[in-house]
Amino acid sequence: MTKTVEKSAVGRLKSRPQFLFVREGEKRKGPLFLLEVRDRQMPDEAPRVGFTVTKKHGNAVERNRMRRRLKEAVRLSAGFAMEPGHDYVVVARRDVLNAPFKTLEARLNDRIATVASPGPVSGRNTRKKIRASLAPSRRAAAMSSNGTPCAN
C-alpha cells in the first residue's frame, strides 16, 4: 500500500505584471537572496512563487543552477511555510551557488516566517520626508515655555 502525503501546492508566477505586482510589497533581505512578499487578499487560494536571477550573476548555466536550487528548496521545505493568498518572489544573489543546501533551506524558511516590521521611510525624497516628520517636534523644542521663539 502506498501512503499519500498531502502537500500544499504552490503555484507559479509567470507573467511580468505578476512579478511587478509583488515588487510593490514587502521586501525581506538576506545574504543569499531577497524575498519579496505581497498579500493578494485571497486567503482561499494557494500561494504563488516566482524566481528571478539577473544576468549580472553569471552565465546561463550558473543562473539556471541558482534557479533550480531555489525551486528545490521551495518544493522540499519552504512551500509549507508560505501563507495562502500570498505571492512570493525570490531574487537570487550569487552566494546561492556555493551555499550548502541545508543553509539555503533554513534561510528561505526564516525569511518566509519573518513578520514585517515597520522599517525606515524609503523612496524618493527620503530626507525631506524625515525632516517633515521631525519638524513639529523641533519647533516645539525651539519655543520657550510662554510660546515665544527662543533665540539661539
C-alpha atoms as a PDB file:
ATOM      1  CA  MET A   1       0.000   0.000   0.000  1.00  0.00           C
ATOM      2  CA  THR A   2       1.196   3.430  -0.835  1.00  0.00           C
ATOM      3  CA  LYS A   3       0.921   6.302   1.603  1.00  0.00           C
ATOM      4  CA  THR A   4      -0.436   9.522   0.236  1.00  0.00           C
ATOM      5  CA  VAL A   5       1.229  12.514   1.756  1.00  0.00           C
ATOM      6  CA  GLU A   6      -0.736  15.691   1.324  1.00  0.00           C
ATOM      7  CA  LYS A   7       1.489  18.538   0.231  1.00  0.00           C
ATOM      8  CA  SER A   8       0.492  22.120  -0.139  1.00  0.00           C
ATOM      9  CA  ALA A   9       0.609  23.007  -3.810  1.00  0.00           C
ATOM     10  CA  VAL A  10       2.497  26.166  -4.573  1.00  0.00           C
ATOM     11  CA  GLY A  11       1.539  27.984  -7.758  1.00  0.00           C
ATOM     12  CA  ARG A  12       3.932  29.813 -10.047  1.00  0.00           C
ATOM     13  CA  LEU A  13       4.236  33.441 -11.058  1.00  0.00           C
ATOM     14  CA  LYS A  14       4.806  33.541 -14.804  1.00  0.00           C
ATOM     15  CA  SER A  15       3.997  36.924 -16.301  1.00  0.00           C
ATOM     16  CA  ARG A  16       5.727  40.266 -15.885  1.00  0.00           C
ATOM     17  CA  PRO A  17       2.643  42.007 -14.390  1.00  0.00           C
ATOM     18  CA  GLN A  18       2.512  39.367 -11.650  1.00  0.00           C
ATOM     19  CA  PHE A  19       6.172  39.981 -10.757  1.00  0.00           C
ATOM     20  CA  LEU A  20       5.665  43.758 -10.802  1.00  0.00           C
ATOM     21  CA  PHE A  21       2.643  43.404  -8.507  1.00  0.00           C
ATOM     22  CA  VAL A  22       4.757  41.578  -5.907  1.00  0.00           C
ATOM     23  CA  ARG A  23       7.545  44.143  -6.234  1.00  0.00           C
ATOM     24  CA  GLU A  24       5.264  46.728  -4.599  1.00  0.00           C
ATOM     25  CA  GLY A  25       5.023  44.585  -1.466  1.00  0.00           C
ATOM     26  CA  GLU A  26       7.273  43.867   1.476  1.00  0.00           C
ATOM     27  CA  LYS A  27      10.978  43.101   0.987  1.00  0.00           C
ATOM     28  CA  ARG A  28      12.875  40.733   3.276  1.00  0.00           C
ATOM     29  CA  LYS A  29      16.619  40.975   2.661  1.00  0.00           C
ATOM     30  CA  GLY A  30      19.181  38.273   3.301  1.00  0.00           C
ATOM     31  CA  PRO A  31      22.709  37.318   2.279  1.00  0.00           C
ATOM     32  CA  LEU A  32      21.617  34.600  -0.172  1.00  0.00           C
ATOM     33  CA  PHE A  33      18.525  36.182  -1.702  1.00  0.00           C
ATOM     34  CA  LEU A  34      15.912  38.891  -1.431  1.00  0.00           C
ATOM     35  CA  LEU A  35      12.367  37.722  -0.747  1.00  0.00           C
ATOM     36  CA  GLU A  36       9.525  39.955  -1.921  1.00  0.00           C
ATOM     37  CA  VAL A  37       6.091  39.207  -0.447  1.00  0.00           C
ATOM     38  CA  ARG A  38       2.654  40.610  -1.205  1.00  0.00           C
ATOM     39  CA  ASP A  39      -0.776  39.624   0.062  1.00  0.00           C
ATOM     40  CA  ARG A  40      -3.338  39.157  -2.727  1.00  0.00           C
ATOM     41  CA  GLN A  41      -6.252  39.397  -0.270  1.00  0.00           C
ATOM     42  CA  MET A  42      -7.435  35.931  -1.397  1.00  0.00           C
ATOM     43  CA  PRO A  43      -6.978  33.594   1.600  1.00  0.00           C
ATOM     44  CA  ASP A  44      -8.674  30.664  -0.157  1.00  0.00           C
ATOM     45  CA  GLU A  45      -6.107  30.430  -2.966  1.00  0.00           C
ATOM     46  CA  ALA A  46      -2.738  28.683  -2.863  1.00  0.00           C
ATOM     47  CA  PRO A  47       0.419  30.763  -2.514  1.00  0.00           C
ATOM     48  CA  ARG A  48       2.364  31.521  -5.685  1.00  0.00           C
ATOM     49  CA  VAL A  49       6.111  31.860  -6.086  1.00  0.00           C
ATOM     50  CA  GLY A  50       8.398  33.256  -8.781  1.00  0.00           C
ATOM     51  CA  PHE A  51      12.168  33.244  -9.169  1.00  0.00           C
ATOM     52  CA  THR A  52      14.451  35.937 -10.535  1.00  0.00           C
ATOM     53  CA  VAL A  53      18.157  35.635 -11.306  1.00  0.00           C
ATOM     54  CA  THR A  54      19.720  38.616 -13.063  1.00  0.00           C
ATOM     55  CA  LYS A  55      22.366  38.380 -15.768  1.00  0.00           C
ATOM     56  CA  LYS A  56      24.969  40.051 -13.581  1.00  0.00           C
ATOM     57  CA  HIS A  57      25.201  36.833 -11.543  1.00  0.00           C
ATOM     58  CA  GLY A  58      26.793  34.700 -14.232  1.00  0.00           C
ATOM     59  CA  ASN A  59      26.188  32.929 -17.487  1.00  0.00           C
ATOM     60  CA  ALA A  60      23.052  30.966 -18.346  1.00  0.00           C
ATOM     61  CA  VAL A  61      24.339  27.723 -16.852  1.00  0.00           C
ATOM     62  CA  GLU A  62      25.043  29.351 -13.482  1.00  0.00           C
ATOM     63  CA  ARG A  63      21.757  31.287 -13.450  1.00  0.00           C
ATOM     64  CA  ASN A  64      19.774  28.143 -14.231  1.00  0.00           C
ATOM     65  CA  ARG A  65      21.605  26.278 -11.460  1.00  0.00           C
ATOM     66  CA  MET A  66      20.725  29.034  -8.975  1.00  0.00           C
ATOM     67  CA  ARG A  67      17.105  28.924 -10.058  1.00  0.00           C
ATOM     68  CA  ARG A  68      16.962  25.104  -9.795  1.00  0.00           C
ATOM     69  CA  ARG A  69      18.441  25.163  -6.277  1.00  0.00           C
ATOM     70  CA  LEU A  70      15.885  27.753  -5.133  1.00  0.00           C
ATOM     71  CA  LYS A  71      12.987  25.867  -6.723  1.00  0.00           C
ATOM     72  CA  GLU A  72      14.023  22.669  -4.993  1.00  0.00           C
ATOM     73  CA  ALA A  73      14.352  24.409  -1.620  1.00  0.00           C
ATOM     74  CA  VAL A  74      10.818  25.774  -2.008  1.00  0.00           C
ATOM     75  CA  ARG A  75       9.486  22.405  -3.119  1.00  0.00           C
ATOM     76  CA  LEU A  76      11.056  20.447  -0.258  1.00  0.00           C
ATOM     77  CA  SER A  77      10.523  22.713   2.712  1.00  0.00           C
ATOM     78  CA  ALA A  78       9.573  26.334   2.206  1.00  0.00           C
ATOM     79  CA  GLY A  79       6.339  25.689   0.321  1.00  0.00           C
ATOM     80  CA  PHE A  80       4.743  24.511   3.544  1.00  0.00           C
ATOM     81  CA  ALA A  81       5.572  27.746   5.355  1.00  0.00           C
ATOM     82  CA  MET A  82       4.045  30.007   2.691  1.00  0.00           C
ATOM     83  CA  GLU A  83       0.762  31.653   3.584  1.00  0.00           C
ATOM     84  CA  PRO A  84      -2.280  31.060   1.368  1.00  0.00           C
ATOM     85  CA  GLY A  85      -3.251  34.037  -0.766  1.00  0.00           C
ATOM     86  CA  HIS A  86       0.277  35.480  -0.833  1.00  0.00           C
ATOM     87  CA  ASP A  87       2.707  35.914  -3.712  1.00  0.00           C
ATOM     88  CA  TYR A  88       6.451  35.456  -3.224  1.00  0.00           C
ATOM     89  CA  VAL A  89       9.353  36.403  -5.492  1.00  0.00           C
ATOM     90  CA  VAL A  90      12.821  35.083  -4.679  1.00  0.00           C
ATOM     91  CA  VAL A  91      15.581  37.259  -6.146  1.00  0.00           C
ATOM     92  CA  ALA A  92      18.798  35.231  -6.073  1.00  0.00           C
ATOM     93  CA  ARG A  93      22.224  36.530  -5.135  1.00  0.00           C
ATOM     94  CA  ARG A  94      25.482  34.987  -6.334  1.00  0.00           C
ATOM     95  CA  ASP A  95      26.115  33.222  -2.985  1.00  0.00           C
ATOM     96  CA  VAL A  96      23.216  30.835  -3.694  1.00  0.00           C
ATOM     97  CA  LEU A  97      25.590  28.836  -5.916  1.00  0.00           C
ATOM     98  CA  ASN A  98      28.071  27.961  -3.172  1.00  0.00           C
ATOM     99  CA  ALA A  99      25.869  27.849  -0.072  1.00  0.00           C
ATOM    100  CA  PRO A 100      25.160  24.408   1.428  1.00  0.00           C
ATOM    101  CA  PHE A 101      21.658  23.269   0.534  1.00  0.00           C
ATOM    102  CA  LYS A 102      20.596  22.896   4.185  1.00  0.00           C
ATOM    103  CA  THR A 103      21.638  26.506   4.809  1.00  0.00           C
ATOM    104  CA  LEU A 104      19.674  27.612   1.751  1.00  0.00           C
ATOM    105  CA  GLU A 105      16.557  25.816   3.027  1.00  0.00           C
ATOM    106  CA  ALA A 106      16.943  27.240   6.526  1.00  0.00           C
ATOM    107  CA  ARG A 107      17.417  30.819   5.315  1.00  0.00           C
ATOM    108  CA  LEU A 108      14.431  30.520   2.989  1.00  0.00           C
ATOM    109  CA  ASN A 109      12.223  29.238   5.828  1.00  0.00           C
ATOM    110  CA  ASP A 110      13.460  32.054   8.090  1.00  0.00           C
ATOM    111  CA  ARG A 111      12.685  34.734   5.507  1.00  0.00           C
ATOM    112  CA  ILE A 112       9.212  33.335   4.839  1.00  0.00           C
ATOM    113  CA  ALA A 113       8.405  33.118   8.549  1.00  0.00           C
ATOM    114  CA  THR A 114       9.656  36.657   9.253  1.00  0.00           C
ATOM    115  CA  VAL A 115       6.863  39.070  10.082  1.00  0.00           C
ATOM    116  CA  ALA A 116       7.007  42.538   8.591  1.00  0.00           C
ATOM    117  CA  SER A 117       8.482  45.155  10.855  1.00  0.00           C
ATOM    118  CA  PRO A 118       7.960  48.839  10.159  1.00  0.00           C
ATOM    119  CA  GLY A 119      11.202  49.996   8.591  1.00  0.00           C
ATOM    120  CA  PRO A 120      12.613  53.417   7.880  1.00  0.00           C
ATOM    121  CA  VAL A 121      10.948  55.785   5.468  1.00  0.00           C
ATOM    122  CA  SER A 122      12.030  54.805   1.978  1.00  0.00           C
ATOM    123  CA  GLY A 123      11.585  56.025  -1.539  1.00  0.00           C
ATOM    124  CA  ARG A 124      12.243  59.309  -3.211  1.00  0.00           C
ATOM    125  CA  ASN A 125      12.952  62.408  -1.153  1.00  0.00           C
ATOM    126  CA  THR A 126      13.600  60.357   1.979  1.00  0.00           C
ATOM    127  CA  ARG A 127      15.492  63.170   3.656  1.00  0.00           C
ATOM    128  CA  LYS A 128      12.590  65.599   3.063  1.00  0.00           C
ATOM    129  CA  LYS A 129      10.088  63.107   4.488  1.00  0.00           C
ATOM    130  CA  ILE A 130      12.171  62.566   7.609  1.00  0.00           C
ATOM    131  CA  ARG A 131      12.719  66.300   8.055  1.00  0.00           C
ATOM    132  CA  ALA A 132       8.992  66.964   7.640  1.00  0.00           C
ATOM    133  CA  SER A 133       8.129  64.331  10.242  1.00  0.00           C
ATOM    134  CA  LEU A 134      10.589  65.870  12.711  1.00  0.00           C
ATOM    135  CA  ALA A 135       9.626  69.489  12.039  1.00  0.00           C
ATOM    136  CA  PRO A 136       6.799  69.845  14.611  1.00  0.00           C
ATOM    137  CA  SER A 137       8.923  68.476  17.455  1.00  0.00           C
ATOM    138  CA  ARG A 138      11.827  70.741  16.522  1.00  0.00           C
ATOM    139  CA  ARG A 139       9.532  73.751  16.528  1.00  0.00           C
ATOM    140  CA  ALA A 140       8.186  72.769  19.938  1.00  0.00           C
ATOM    141  CA  ALA A 141      11.718  72.400  21.290  1.00  0.00           C
ATOM    142  CA  ALA A 142      12.667  75.839  19.950  1.00  0.00           C
ATOM    143  CA  MET A 143       9.763  77.533  21.770  1.00  0.00           C
ATOM    144  CA  SER A 144      10.036  78.831  25.278  1.00  0.00           C
ATOM    145  CA  SER A 145       7.536  77.959  27.967  1.00  0.00           C
ATOM    146  CA  ASN A 146       5.389  81.042  27.195  1.00  0.00           C
ATOM    147  CA  GLY A 147       5.120  80.197  23.460  1.00  0.00           C
ATOM    148  CA  THR A 148       7.599  82.716  22.092  1.00  0.00           C
ATOM    149  CA  PRO A 149      10.535  81.594  19.947  1.00  0.00           C
ATOM    150  CA  CYS A 150      13.842  81.160  21.748  1.00  0.00           C
ATOM    151  CA  ALA A 151      16.949  82.905  20.474  1.00  0.00           C
ATOM    152  CA  ASN A 152      19.865  80.516  19.994  1.00  0.00           C
END
